[in-house]
Each structure stands twice: as structure tokens, then as C-alpha cells.
Amino acid sequence: MDLARKTDGIYVSQRKYTLDLLQEIGMLGCKAANTPMESVIKSNFKEGPLVDKDSYQSLVGKLIYLTHTRPDIGFFVNMTSRYMTSPTEVHMKAVNRILQYLKGTPGKSLHFKKNSNRGIEVYTDSNWTGYTSDRNSTTGYCSFGTITIDHVPSCNQTAGVLTKALPINTYENIRSKLGMIDIYHPD
């Protein structure tokens, strides 16, 4: 991991790791994608010819490590990791799409602003339902006191980038709210 301290905060990146990964698998010269996954999946995600399991597991494992500094790919890597035991060409195509996205965004980093409190505490419980293609779950939580719920339009919900494939404009808008910027390309 690369750490850069600047006057406005700390930047955490894995640019070198990303570029080394793309070089290792021969995708450094590939065409970049705008999003890690198509917003509409055109084929059945569970069917197709099998691919080499060891290569797939190794590649997805490397992507899992990359999610420590790239929460924008977390959902998509998690989705592909569910098929580690019997990966198909469709799954490998999804992994390649993530890699194409990384090709276009190797310098994206987490920005922790100076004097900002980013502490997060989460308590949850989940129960997997029968929907096996994306493993939706029923979650529960406990809270005491008065709860006020304000409506947040779906285009402003930051969780969207962590839970589903989105159109490019929505994806970029929400990704910017996660505190991810490219320190190698000044605006």
C-alpha cells in the first residue's frame, strides 16, 4: 500500500499493485472500462463452460486484497468470489471487466481528510435467503430511542456503489462521495 501525506490529509493507494497485477496477467494494454460491471447483465451468471479454477481463484484473491483501498470494486469482487469452486467463462468475463475498470482508474485512492472523523461502528445480523444468484439477505438490527428517517433519493445513496452495478454517471457521482480521488491526476 502506498501512503501519501499532504496538507489536506492522507491518501492510501495501491496504484503500483494494480499496475503490477495488470502487467502480470497481460492486461496492461487492454481497453479501459468506465464501470466495474455492466449495469445490465446480459447472460445467465451461473451457466457456461468451466475455466481453470486455480487461475481464477488466484486472480480473485488478488482482487480481494485490492478492495482494502478500493471499496468501489468491493461488491463486484465479492460477487465473482462466490463462484470460486466452479468458475465459468461468464465469471472470468466479469473478472476481466473489473480489471478493465482498474486499467482506467489505477491511481484511485482513499482520501482521509485532515481532522475528519471516519470512525464507523456497525452491528448487524443477516440470514441468507434462497436467491442464490446475488445472495440477497434479510438483515436485522436493534436500536433504542427515537428514530427519524429522512428520504434520500436513490441517486444520492452512497451504498448503491457497494451493492449493485450502476450507470456510469450515477456510479462516478456516488464513488466521489466515498472519498476516492486520483492523486496522480490533479483536477
Protein backbone atom coordinates (compact mmCIF):
# COMPACT_ATOMS: atom_id res chain seq x y z
CA MET A 1 0.00 0.00 0.00
CA ASP A 2 1.17 3.47 -0.80
CA LEU A 3 0.60 6.24 1.71
CA ALA A 4 0.93 9.90 0.78
CA ARG A 5 0.65 12.62 3.38
CA LYS A 6 -0.37 16.03 2.07
CA THR A 7 -1.58 19.20 3.72
CA ASP A 8 -5.24 18.26 3.26
CA GLY A 9 -4.95 14.71 4.62
CA ILE A 10 -3.65 11.21 3.96
CA TYR A 11 -4.06 9.26 0.73
CA VAL A 12 -3.98 5.45 0.68
CA SER A 13 -3.46 3.84 -2.70
CA GLN A 14 -2.44 0.57 -4.34
CA ARG A 15 -1.52 2.02 -7.73
CA LYS A 16 1.70 0.02 -8.10
CA TYR A 17 -0.05 -3.20 -7.06
CA THR A 18 -2.82 -2.54 -9.59
CA LEU A 19 -0.40 -1.87 -12.44
CA ASP A 20 1.74 -4.90 -11.48
CA LEU A 21 -1.39 -7.10 -11.48
CA LEU A 22 -2.44 -5.84 -14.91
CA GLN A 23 1.11 -6.42 -16.20
CA GLU A 24 1.25 -9.94 -14.71
CA ILE A 25 -1.91 -11.09 -16.47
CA GLY A 26 -1.20 -9.26 -19.72
CA MET A 27 -3.97 -6.67 -19.46
CA LEU A 28 -1.85 -3.54 -19.15
CA GLY A 29 -2.66 -2.68 -22.76
CA CYS A 30 -6.37 -3.52 -22.60
CA LYS A 31 -9.15 -1.03 -23.25
CA ALA A 32 -10.37 0.62 -20.04
CA ALA A 33 -13.98 0.24 -18.87
CA ASN A 34 -15.98 3.03 -17.21
CA THR A 35 -17.55 0.82 -14.53
CA PRO A 36 -16.51 -2.47 -12.89
CA MET A 37 -19.60 -4.27 -14.19
CA GLU A 38 -22.21 -3.69 -16.83
CA SER A 39 -25.36 -2.19 -15.33
CA VAL A 40 -27.41 -4.88 -17.10
CA ILE A 41 -26.05 -8.42 -17.12
CA LYS A 42 -26.94 -9.95 -20.47
CA SER A 43 -26.31 -13.63 -19.77
CA ASN A 44 -27.06 -16.17 -17.08
CA PHE A 45 -24.35 -15.62 -14.48
CA LYS A 46 -24.33 -19.27 -13.39
CA GLU A 47 -24.00 -21.16 -16.68
CA GLY A 48 -21.26 -21.68 -19.23
CA PRO A 49 -18.06 -23.64 -19.89
CA LEU A 50 -15.73 -24.01 -16.90
CA VAL A 51 -12.37 -22.19 -16.73
CA ASP A 52 -9.17 -23.06 -14.82
CA LYS A 53 -10.16 -22.95 -11.16
CA ASP A 54 -6.66 -22.27 -9.78
CA SER A 55 -6.04 -19.28 -12.06
CA TYR A 56 -9.48 -17.87 -11.28
CA GLN A 57 -9.03 -18.27 -7.52
CA SER A 58 -5.60 -16.65 -7.64
CA LEU A 59 -6.86 -13.69 -9.63
CA VAL A 60 -9.95 -13.13 -7.49
CA GLY A 61 -7.78 -13.43 -4.35
CA LYS A 62 -5.58 -10.62 -5.65
CA LEU A 63 -8.65 -8.51 -6.32
CA ILE A 64 -9.92 -9.17 -2.79
CA TYR A 65 -6.64 -7.77 -1.44
CA LEU A 66 -7.10 -4.71 -3.65
CA THR A 67 -10.53 -3.99 -2.15
CA HIS A 68 -8.82 -2.79 1.06
CA THR A 69 -8.16 0.52 -0.67
CA ARG A 70 -10.75 0.27 -3.44
CA PRO A 71 -14.23 -0.02 -1.91
CA ASP A 72 -15.65 0.90 -5.31
CA ILE A 73 -14.90 -2.64 -6.57
CA GLY A 74 -15.81 -4.49 -3.36
CA PHE A 75 -19.31 -5.57 -4.38
CA PHE A 76 -18.20 -6.80 -7.79
CA VAL A 77 -15.20 -8.73 -6.47
CA ASN A 78 -17.42 -10.28 -3.79
CA MET A 79 -19.91 -11.30 -6.45
CA THR A 80 -17.20 -13.04 -8.51
CA SER A 81 -15.68 -14.70 -5.43
CA ARG A 82 -18.90 -16.64 -4.85
CA TYR A 83 -18.06 -18.85 -7.81
CA MET A 84 -14.54 -19.90 -6.74
CA THR A 85 -15.38 -23.61 -6.68
CA SER A 86 -16.67 -23.83 -10.26
CA PRO A 87 -15.90 -20.67 -12.26
CA THR A 88 -17.22 -20.38 -15.80
CA GLU A 89 -16.31 -18.20 -18.77
CA VAL A 90 -19.07 -15.79 -17.72
CA HIS A 91 -17.42 -15.36 -14.31
CA MET A 92 -14.00 -14.84 -15.90
CA LYS A 93 -15.54 -12.26 -18.21
CA ALA A 94 -16.87 -10.42 -15.13
CA VAL A 95 -13.39 -10.53 -13.53
CA ASN A 96 -11.88 -9.19 -16.76
CA ARG A 97 -14.39 -6.33 -16.72
CA ILE A 98 -13.22 -5.41 -13.20
CA LEU A 99 -9.62 -5.47 -14.45
CA GLN A 100 -10.55 -3.26 -17.41
CA TYR A 101 -12.08 -0.80 -14.96
CA LEU A 102 -8.89 -0.87 -12.88
CA LYS A 103 -6.90 -0.17 -16.05
CA GLY A 104 -8.70 3.16 -16.35
CA THR A 105 -8.51 4.02 -12.64
CA PRO A 106 -5.20 2.67 -11.25
CA GLY A 107 -4.49 5.77 -9.17
CA LYS A 108 -7.79 5.97 -7.31
CA SER A 109 -7.08 6.25 -3.62
CA LEU A 110 -8.87 6.70 -0.35
CA HIS A 111 -8.60 10.23 0.97
CA PHE A 112 -8.77 10.71 4.71
CA LYS A 113 -9.24 14.43 5.23
CA LYS A 114 -7.29 16.18 7.92
CA ASN A 115 -9.27 16.43 11.17
CA SER A 116 -12.11 14.29 9.83
CA ASN A 117 -13.59 11.52 11.90
CA ARG A 118 -14.23 8.47 9.74
CA GLY A 119 -14.98 6.07 12.57
CA ILE A 120 -17.68 3.55 11.74
CA GLU A 121 -19.48 1.18 14.08
CA VAL A 122 -21.87 -1.34 12.62
CA TYR A 123 -23.87 -4.06 14.32
CA THR A 124 -25.87 -6.35 12.12
CA ASP A 125 -27.20 -9.85 11.70
CA SER A 126 -28.12 -11.50 8.44
CA ASN A 127 -30.00 -14.51 7.20
CA TRP A 128 -29.32 -15.68 3.64
CA THR A 129 -32.43 -16.13 1.53
CA GLY A 130 -32.99 -18.53 -1.30
CA TYR A 131 -32.00 -16.07 -4.03
CA THR A 132 -28.68 -17.68 -4.96
CA SER A 133 -27.51 -15.52 -7.87
CA ASP A 134 -26.72 -12.47 -5.72
CA ARG A 135 -27.26 -13.92 -2.23
CA ASN A 136 -29.63 -11.20 -1.04
CA SER A 137 -30.02 -11.35 2.68
CA THR A 138 -32.55 -10.37 5.28
CA THR A 139 -30.84 -8.20 7.86
CA GLY A 140 -31.87 -7.17 11.30
CA TYR A 141 -30.66 -4.58 13.75
CA CYS A 142 -31.57 -3.28 17.16
CA SER A 143 -31.91 0.37 18.07
CA PHE A 144 -33.36 2.16 21.07
CA GLY A 145 -34.77 5.67 21.20
CA THR A 146 -36.45 7.87 18.65
CA ILE A 147 -35.63 7.15 15.04
CA THR A 148 -36.17 9.74 12.36
CA ILE A 149 -35.87 8.57 8.79
CA ASP A 150 -35.26 11.11 6.05
CA HIS A 151 -35.83 10.22 2.41
CA VAL A 152 -32.62 10.04 0.39
CA PRO A 153 -33.11 9.79 -3.38
CA SER A 154 -31.50 6.69 -4.87
CA CYS A 155 -29.09 8.82 -6.91
CA ASN A 156 -27.61 10.12 -3.62
CA GLN A 157 -27.37 6.83 -1.71
CA THR A 158 -23.68 6.01 -1.33
CA ALA A 159 -24.43 2.40 -0.52
CA GLY A 160 -25.56 1.94 -4.12
CA VAL A 161 -21.99 1.75 -5.40
CA LEU A 162 -21.27 -1.04 -2.91
CA THR A 163 -24.34 -3.14 -3.69
CA LYS A 164 -25.10 -3.11 -7.41
CA ALA A 165 -23.96 -2.23 -10.90
CA LEU A 166 -24.92 1.33 -11.84
CA PRO A 167 -24.92 3.52 -14.96
CA ILE A 168 -21.63 5.43 -15.39
CA ASN A 169 -22.88 8.90 -14.34
CA THR A 170 -24.51 7.62 -11.15
CA TYR A 171 -21.50 5.41 -10.42
CA GLU A 172 -18.97 8.26 -10.72
CA ASN A 173 -21.14 10.61 -8.65
CA ILE A 174 -21.53 8.14 -5.79
CA ARG A 175 -17.89 6.97 -5.98
CA SER A 176 -16.73 10.55 -5.40
CA LYS A 177 -18.78 10.63 -2.18
CA LEU A 178 -16.75 7.68 -0.83
CA GLY A 179 -13.70 9.93 -0.59
CA MET A 180 -11.95 8.30 -3.55
CA ILE A 181 -9.82 10.54 -5.75
CA ASP A 182 -6.95 10.05 -8.16
CA ILE A 183 -3.87 11.65 -6.62
CA TYR A 184 -1.92 11.07 -9.83
CA HIS A 185 -4.27 13.23 -11.94
CA PRO A 186 -4.79 16.69 -10.39
CA ASP A 187 -8.14 18.30 -11.16
